Amino acid sequence: MNIETDFSTIPDRYAKQAPKEFTIDGTPILSFPFTVNDVSEGALYLHWMFVDPDSIPVCGFQWNHWAVANVPIASLKSRKDHAVTVPEDFSRHAELIAPEAMQARNSEASPLLGAKNPKITTGYVGPTPPDRDHEYLLTVWASTEPFRKLSQDFWFNELQREIRNAPKPLEHADIYLTGRA
């Protein structure tokens, strides 16, 4: 399994320089598209996390930008070669594309930050590195079963626990993408 994007540097429309129509209160909310290739034939669900490990020296913790669980592969555009595509703006349209899917609260939901708008605190928030270009990590897992212990607005650690405790080893792939300061 591997992840493919049409870019290695996250385009402005999904990040810090996003046009106003793709932001809320200056926060970029338009999620980027990606394709997951060579998904095992028996896999039925995708789950992913998009994080910024380079934020640790800046704010003291890894910034969690987006996590999604229980996306039925059948709800995504697929090709014959065991590849599925997560479309642009999936985060804001997840309920229409894959009603069973659940999105996590991101780092904007931290009580230390005070954000209250669920359109910012749950789902995708794009990269806005304050100090320099950062490397962002997108990890995708495939499974045969959904994670039943999660509910909408879960926290990242809850998804990590489900992945760690899955009854079968999960197939996964990673890709690093650059976000510009």
C-alpha atoms as a PDB file:
ATOM      1  CA  MET A   1       0.000   0.000   0.000  1.00  0.00           C
ATOM      2  CA  ASN A   2       1.242   3.528  -0.731  1.00  0.00           C
ATOM      3  CA  ILE A   3      -0.086   7.091  -0.784  1.00  0.00           C
ATOM      4  CA  GLU A   4       0.109   9.353  -3.802  1.00  0.00           C
ATOM      5  CA  THR A   5      -0.593  13.071  -4.213  1.00  0.00           C
ATOM      6  CA  ASP A   6      -0.132  15.426  -7.146  1.00  0.00           C
ATOM      7  CA  PHE A   7       2.278  17.464  -5.008  1.00  0.00           C
ATOM      8  CA  SER A   8       5.078  17.167  -2.469  1.00  0.00           C
ATOM      9  CA  THR A   9       4.604  20.722  -1.162  1.00  0.00           C
ATOM     10  CA  ILE A  10       1.056  21.300   0.013  1.00  0.00           C
ATOM     11  CA  PRO A  11      -0.608  23.781  -2.357  1.00  0.00           C
ATOM     12  CA  ASP A  12      -1.665  27.144  -0.947  1.00  0.00           C
ATOM     13  CA  ARG A  13      -5.380  26.383  -1.327  1.00  0.00           C
ATOM     14  CA  TYR A  14      -5.091  23.741   1.461  1.00  0.00           C
ATOM     15  CA  ALA A  15      -2.735  25.645   3.740  1.00  0.00           C
ATOM     16  CA  LYS A  16      -1.597  28.967   5.197  1.00  0.00           C
ATOM     17  CA  GLN A  17      -2.119  31.000   2.015  1.00  0.00           C
ATOM     18  CA  ALA A  18      -5.604  29.602   1.274  1.00  0.00           C
ATOM     19  CA  PRO A  19      -8.063  31.967  -0.391  1.00  0.00           C
ATOM     20  CA  LYS A  20     -10.589  33.439   2.029  1.00  0.00           C
ATOM     21  CA  GLU A  21     -13.396  31.200   0.715  1.00  0.00           C
ATOM     22  CA  PHE A  22     -11.431  28.144   1.925  1.00  0.00           C
ATOM     23  CA  THR A  23     -10.918  29.478   5.465  1.00  0.00           C
ATOM     24  CA  ILE A  24     -12.907  30.140   8.616  1.00  0.00           C
ATOM     25  CA  ASP A  25     -11.526  32.857  10.875  1.00  0.00           C
ATOM     26  CA  GLY A  26      -8.250  32.630   8.918  1.00  0.00           C
ATOM     27  CA  THR A  27      -7.962  28.839   9.400  1.00  0.00           C
ATOM     28  CA  PRO A  28      -7.649  26.796   6.176  1.00  0.00           C
ATOM     29  CA  ILE A  29     -10.384  24.132   6.028  1.00  0.00           C
ATOM     30  CA  LEU A  30     -10.269  22.762   2.466  1.00  0.00           C
ATOM     31  CA  SER A  31      -8.816  19.243   2.693  1.00  0.00           C
ATOM     32  CA  PHE A  32      -6.490  18.007  -0.033  1.00  0.00           C
ATOM     33  CA  PRO A  33      -7.093  14.967  -2.252  1.00  0.00           C
ATOM     34  CA  PHE A  34      -4.923  11.863  -2.142  1.00  0.00           C
ATOM     35  CA  THR A  35      -4.907   8.365  -3.578  1.00  0.00           C
ATOM     36  CA  VAL A  36      -4.133   5.155  -1.742  1.00  0.00           C
ATOM     37  CA  ASN A  37      -2.656   2.566  -4.127  1.00  0.00           C
ATOM     38  CA  ASP A  38      -2.346  -1.207  -3.803  1.00  0.00           C
ATOM     39  CA  VAL A  39      -4.968  -1.574  -1.089  1.00  0.00           C
ATOM     40  CA  SER A  40      -5.403  -5.228  -0.168  1.00  0.00           C
ATOM     41  CA  GLU A  41      -8.366  -6.898  -1.799  1.00  0.00           C
ATOM     42  CA  GLY A  42      -9.952  -7.764   1.570  1.00  0.00           C
ATOM     43  CA  ALA A  43      -9.711  -4.247   3.006  1.00  0.00           C
ATOM     44  CA  LEU A  44     -13.072  -2.551   3.488  1.00  0.00           C
ATOM     45  CA  TYR A  45     -12.255   0.607   5.501  1.00  0.00           C
ATOM     46  CA  LEU A  46      -9.692   3.412   5.491  1.00  0.00           C
ATOM     47  CA  HIS A  47      -8.570   5.469   8.477  1.00  0.00           C
ATOM     48  CA  TRP A  48      -5.990   8.273   8.477  1.00  0.00           C
ATOM     49  CA  MET A  49      -4.105  10.896  10.454  1.00  0.00           C
ATOM     50  CA  PHE A  50      -2.393  14.045   9.226  1.00  0.00           C
ATOM     51  CA  VAL A  51       0.026  15.557  11.757  1.00  0.00           C
ATOM     52  CA  ASP A  52       2.856  18.058  12.114  1.00  0.00           C
ATOM     53  CA  PRO A  53       5.742  16.610  14.163  1.00  0.00           C
ATOM     54  CA  ASP A  54       7.801  19.751  13.378  1.00  0.00           C
ATOM     55  CA  SER A  55       5.432  21.763  15.577  1.00  0.00           C
ATOM     56  CA  ILE A  56       6.902  20.227  18.750  1.00  0.00           C
ATOM     57  CA  PRO A  57       9.730  22.802  19.147  1.00  0.00           C
ATOM     58  CA  VAL A  58       7.254  25.619  18.392  1.00  0.00           C
ATOM     59  CA  CYS A  59       4.338  24.776  20.689  1.00  0.00           C
ATOM     60  CA  GLY A  60       5.528  21.820  22.753  1.00  0.00           C
ATOM     61  CA  PHE A  61       3.389  19.143  21.119  1.00  0.00           C
ATOM     62  CA  GLN A  62       2.657  17.543  17.765  1.00  0.00           C
ATOM     63  CA  TRP A  63      -0.069  19.500  15.986  1.00  0.00           C
ATOM     64  CA  ASN A  64      -2.919  17.213  14.935  1.00  0.00           C
ATOM     65  CA  HIS A  65      -4.470  18.491  11.716  1.00  0.00           C
ATOM     66  CA  TRP A  66      -6.894  15.765  10.659  1.00  0.00           C
ATOM     67  CA  ALA A  67      -7.960  12.264  11.600  1.00  0.00           C
ATOM     68  CA  VAL A  68     -10.698  10.201  10.025  1.00  0.00           C
ATOM     69  CA  ALA A  69     -11.929   6.705  10.811  1.00  0.00           C
ATOM     70  CA  ASN A  70     -14.268   4.136   9.307  1.00  0.00           C
ATOM     71  CA  VAL A  71     -14.404   5.367   5.718  1.00  0.00           C
ATOM     72  CA  PRO A  72     -15.874   2.551   3.638  1.00  0.00           C
ATOM     73  CA  ILE A  73     -13.623   1.995   0.670  1.00  0.00           C
ATOM     74  CA  ALA A  74     -16.745   1.389  -1.418  1.00  0.00           C
ATOM     75  CA  SER A  75     -17.785   5.036  -0.837  1.00  0.00           C
ATOM     76  CA  LEU A  76     -14.613   6.348  -2.510  1.00  0.00           C
ATOM     77  CA  LYS A  77     -13.757   6.516  -6.187  1.00  0.00           C
ATOM     78  CA  SER A  78     -11.770   3.410  -6.987  1.00  0.00           C
ATOM     79  CA  ARG A  79      -9.817   2.074  -9.903  1.00  0.00           C
ATOM     80  CA  LYS A  80      -9.296  -1.485 -11.044  1.00  0.00           C
ATOM     81  CA  ASP A  81      -5.740  -1.616  -9.674  1.00  0.00           C
ATOM     82  CA  HIS A  82      -6.807  -1.591  -5.987  1.00  0.00           C
ATOM     83  CA  ALA A  83      -6.481   2.192  -5.688  1.00  0.00           C
ATOM     84  CA  VAL A  84      -8.956   4.534  -4.020  1.00  0.00           C
ATOM     85  CA  THR A  85      -9.063   8.314  -4.044  1.00  0.00           C
ATOM     86  CA  VAL A  86     -10.070  10.578  -1.194  1.00  0.00           C
ATOM     87  CA  PRO A  87     -11.455  13.655  -2.969  1.00  0.00           C
ATOM     88  CA  GLU A  88     -10.650  17.290  -2.338  1.00  0.00           C
ATOM     89  CA  ASP A  89     -12.782  18.768   0.447  1.00  0.00           C
ATOM     90  CA  PHE A  90     -13.645  15.329   1.852  1.00  0.00           C
ATOM     91  CA  SER A  91     -13.539  16.809   5.358  1.00  0.00           C
ATOM     92  CA  ARG A  92     -16.443  19.197   4.790  1.00  0.00           C
ATOM     93  CA  HIS A  93     -18.426  16.667   2.721  1.00  0.00           C
ATOM     94  CA  ALA A  94     -17.741  13.445   4.629  1.00  0.00           C
ATOM     95  CA  GLU A  95     -21.381  13.066   5.684  1.00  0.00           C
ATOM     96  CA  LEU A  96     -22.455  13.016   2.030  1.00  0.00           C
ATOM     97  CA  ILE A  97     -19.590  10.898   0.696  1.00  0.00           C
ATOM     98  CA  ALA A  98     -19.323   8.377   3.534  1.00  0.00           C
ATOM     99  CA  PRO A  99     -21.995   8.816   6.229  1.00  0.00           C
ATOM    100  CA  GLU A 100     -20.385   6.098   8.373  1.00  0.00           C
ATOM    101  CA  ALA A 101     -17.086   7.992   8.536  1.00  0.00           C
ATOM    102  CA  MET A 102     -16.108   9.860  11.673  1.00  0.00           C
ATOM    103  CA  GLN A 103     -13.741  12.781  12.063  1.00  0.00           C
ATOM    104  CA  ALA A 104     -11.643  13.626  15.088  1.00  0.00           C
ATOM    105  CA  ARG A 105     -11.182  16.821  16.970  1.00  0.00           C
ATOM    106  CA  ASN A 106      -7.916  18.418  15.909  1.00  0.00           C
ATOM    107  CA  SER A 107      -5.449  20.484  17.939  1.00  0.00           C
ATOM    108  CA  GLU A 108      -7.632  23.586  17.529  1.00  0.00           C
ATOM    109  CA  ALA A 109     -10.025  21.857  19.992  1.00  0.00           C
ATOM    110  CA  SER A 110      -7.438  22.018  22.769  1.00  0.00           C
ATOM    111  CA  PRO A 111      -8.764  23.773  25.872  1.00  0.00           C
ATOM    112  CA  LEU A 112      -5.461  25.669  25.844  1.00  0.00           C
ATOM    113  CA  LEU A 113      -6.395  27.396  22.580  1.00  0.00           C
ATOM    114  CA  GLY A 114     -10.027  28.279  23.185  1.00  0.00           C
ATOM    115  CA  ALA A 115     -11.447  27.618  19.697  1.00  0.00           C
ATOM    116  CA  LYS A 116     -15.164  26.819  19.932  1.00  0.00           C
ATOM    117  CA  ASN A 117     -16.366  26.597  16.322  1.00  0.00           C
ATOM    118  CA  PRO A 118     -16.851  22.895  15.429  1.00  0.00           C
ATOM    119  CA  LYS A 119     -16.156  23.769  11.771  1.00  0.00           C
ATOM    120  CA  ILE A 120     -12.611  24.512  12.930  1.00  0.00           C
ATOM    121  CA  THR A 121     -12.172  22.113  15.868  1.00  0.00           C
ATOM    122  CA  THR A 122     -13.355  18.931  14.096  1.00  0.00           C
ATOM    123  CA  GLY A 123     -12.096  17.751  10.725  1.00  0.00           C
ATOM    124  CA  TYR A 124      -9.318  19.170   8.590  1.00  0.00           C
ATOM    125  CA  VAL A 125      -7.351  22.280   9.453  1.00  0.00           C
ATOM    126  CA  GLY A 126      -4.556  23.055   7.056  1.00  0.00           C
ATOM    127  CA  PRO A 127      -0.888  23.724   7.729  1.00  0.00           C
ATOM    128  CA  THR A 128       0.075  27.188   8.978  1.00  0.00           C
ATOM    129  CA  PRO A 129       3.682  26.784  10.137  1.00  0.00           C
ATOM    130  CA  PRO A 130       4.729  29.969  11.959  1.00  0.00           C
ATOM    131  CA  ASP A 131       8.502  29.668  11.896  1.00  0.00           C
ATOM    132  CA  ARG A 132       9.743  27.768   8.822  1.00  0.00           C
ATOM    133  CA  ASP A 133       8.644  25.108   6.363  1.00  0.00           C
ATOM    134  CA  HIS A 134       7.428  21.999   8.204  1.00  0.00           C
ATOM    135  CA  GLU A 135       7.188  18.367   7.144  1.00  0.00           C
ATOM    136  CA  TYR A 136       3.720  16.915   7.661  1.00  0.00           C
ATOM    137  CA  LEU A 137       2.998  13.215   7.975  1.00  0.00           C
ATOM    138  CA  LEU A 138      -0.063  11.568   6.443  1.00  0.00           C
ATOM    139  CA  THR A 139      -0.561   7.961   7.561  1.00  0.00           C
ATOM    140  CA  VAL A 140      -3.361   5.800   6.165  1.00  0.00           C
ATOM    141  CA  TRP A 141      -4.474   2.424   7.511  1.00  0.00           C
ATOM    142  CA  ALA A 142      -6.723  -0.149   5.821  1.00  0.00           C
ATOM    143  CA  SER A 143      -8.830  -2.630   7.768  1.00  0.00           C
ATOM    144  CA  THR A 144     -11.470  -5.281   7.230  1.00  0.00           C
ATOM    145  CA  GLU A 145     -13.651  -3.965  10.077  1.00  0.00           C
ATOM    146  CA  PRO A 146     -14.678  -0.514  11.314  1.00  0.00           C
ATOM    147  CA  PHE A 147     -13.503   0.723  14.704  1.00  0.00           C
ATOM    148  CA  ARG A 148     -16.655   0.351  16.791  1.00  0.00           C
ATOM    149  CA  LYS A 149     -15.432   2.109  19.943  1.00  0.00           C
ATOM    150  CA  LEU A 150     -15.088   5.487  18.232  1.00  0.00           C
ATOM    151  CA  SER A 151     -17.744   8.159  17.950  1.00  0.00           C
ATOM    152  CA  GLN A 152     -17.910  11.387  15.982  1.00  0.00           C
ATOM    153  CA  ASP A 153     -15.493  14.019  17.370  1.00  0.00           C
ATOM    154  CA  PHE A 154     -13.149  11.411  18.829  1.00  0.00           C
ATOM    155  CA  TRP A 155      -9.622  12.392  19.883  1.00  0.00           C
ATOM    156  CA  PHE A 156      -6.495  11.288  17.997  1.00  0.00           C
ATOM    157  CA  ASN A 157      -5.323   9.069  20.858  1.00  0.00           C
ATOM    158  CA  GLU A 158      -8.588   7.114  20.651  1.00  0.00           C
ATOM    159  CA  LEU A 159      -7.895   6.250  17.013  1.00  0.00           C
ATOM    160  CA  GLN A 160      -4.318   5.327  17.880  1.00  0.00           C
ATOM    161  CA  ARG A 161      -5.628   2.972  20.571  1.00  0.00           C
ATOM    162  CA  GLU A 162      -8.030   1.314  18.120  1.00  0.00           C
ATOM    163  CA  ILE A 163      -5.211   0.834  15.611  1.00  0.00           C
ATOM    164  CA  ARG A 164      -2.906  -0.590  18.266  1.00  0.00           C
ATOM    165  CA  ASN A 165      -5.601  -2.983  19.566  1.00  0.00           C
ATOM    166  CA  ALA A 166      -6.963  -4.110  16.191  1.00  0.00           C
ATOM    167  CA  PRO A 167      -7.441  -7.894  16.140  1.00  0.00           C
ATOM    168  CA  LYS A 168      -5.485  -8.255  12.894  1.00  0.00           C
ATOM    169  CA  PRO A 169      -2.405  -6.303  11.840  1.00  0.00           C
ATOM    170  CA  LEU A 170      -3.478  -3.315   9.791  1.00  0.00           C
ATOM    171  CA  GLU A 171      -1.975  -2.466   6.462  1.00  0.00           C
ATOM    172  CA  HIS A 172      -0.635   1.094   6.407  1.00  0.00           C
ATOM    173  CA  ALA A 173       1.338   3.645   4.413  1.00  0.00           C
ATOM    174  CA  ASP A 174       2.968   7.008   5.133  1.00  0.00           C
ATOM    175  CA  ILE A 175       3.858  10.053   3.082  1.00  0.00           C
ATOM    176  CA  TYR A 176       5.628  13.246   4.138  1.00  0.00           C
ATOM    177  CA  LEU A 177       4.447  16.507   2.612  1.00  0.00           C
ATOM    178  CA  THR A 178       5.965  19.967   3.030  1.00  0.00           C
ATOM    179  CA  GLY A 179       3.967  22.905   4.323  1.00  0.00           C
ATOM    180  CA  ARG A 180       5.355  26.345   3.568  1.00  0.00           C
ATOM    181  CA  ALA A 181       5.796  29.024   6.231  1.00  0.00           C
END
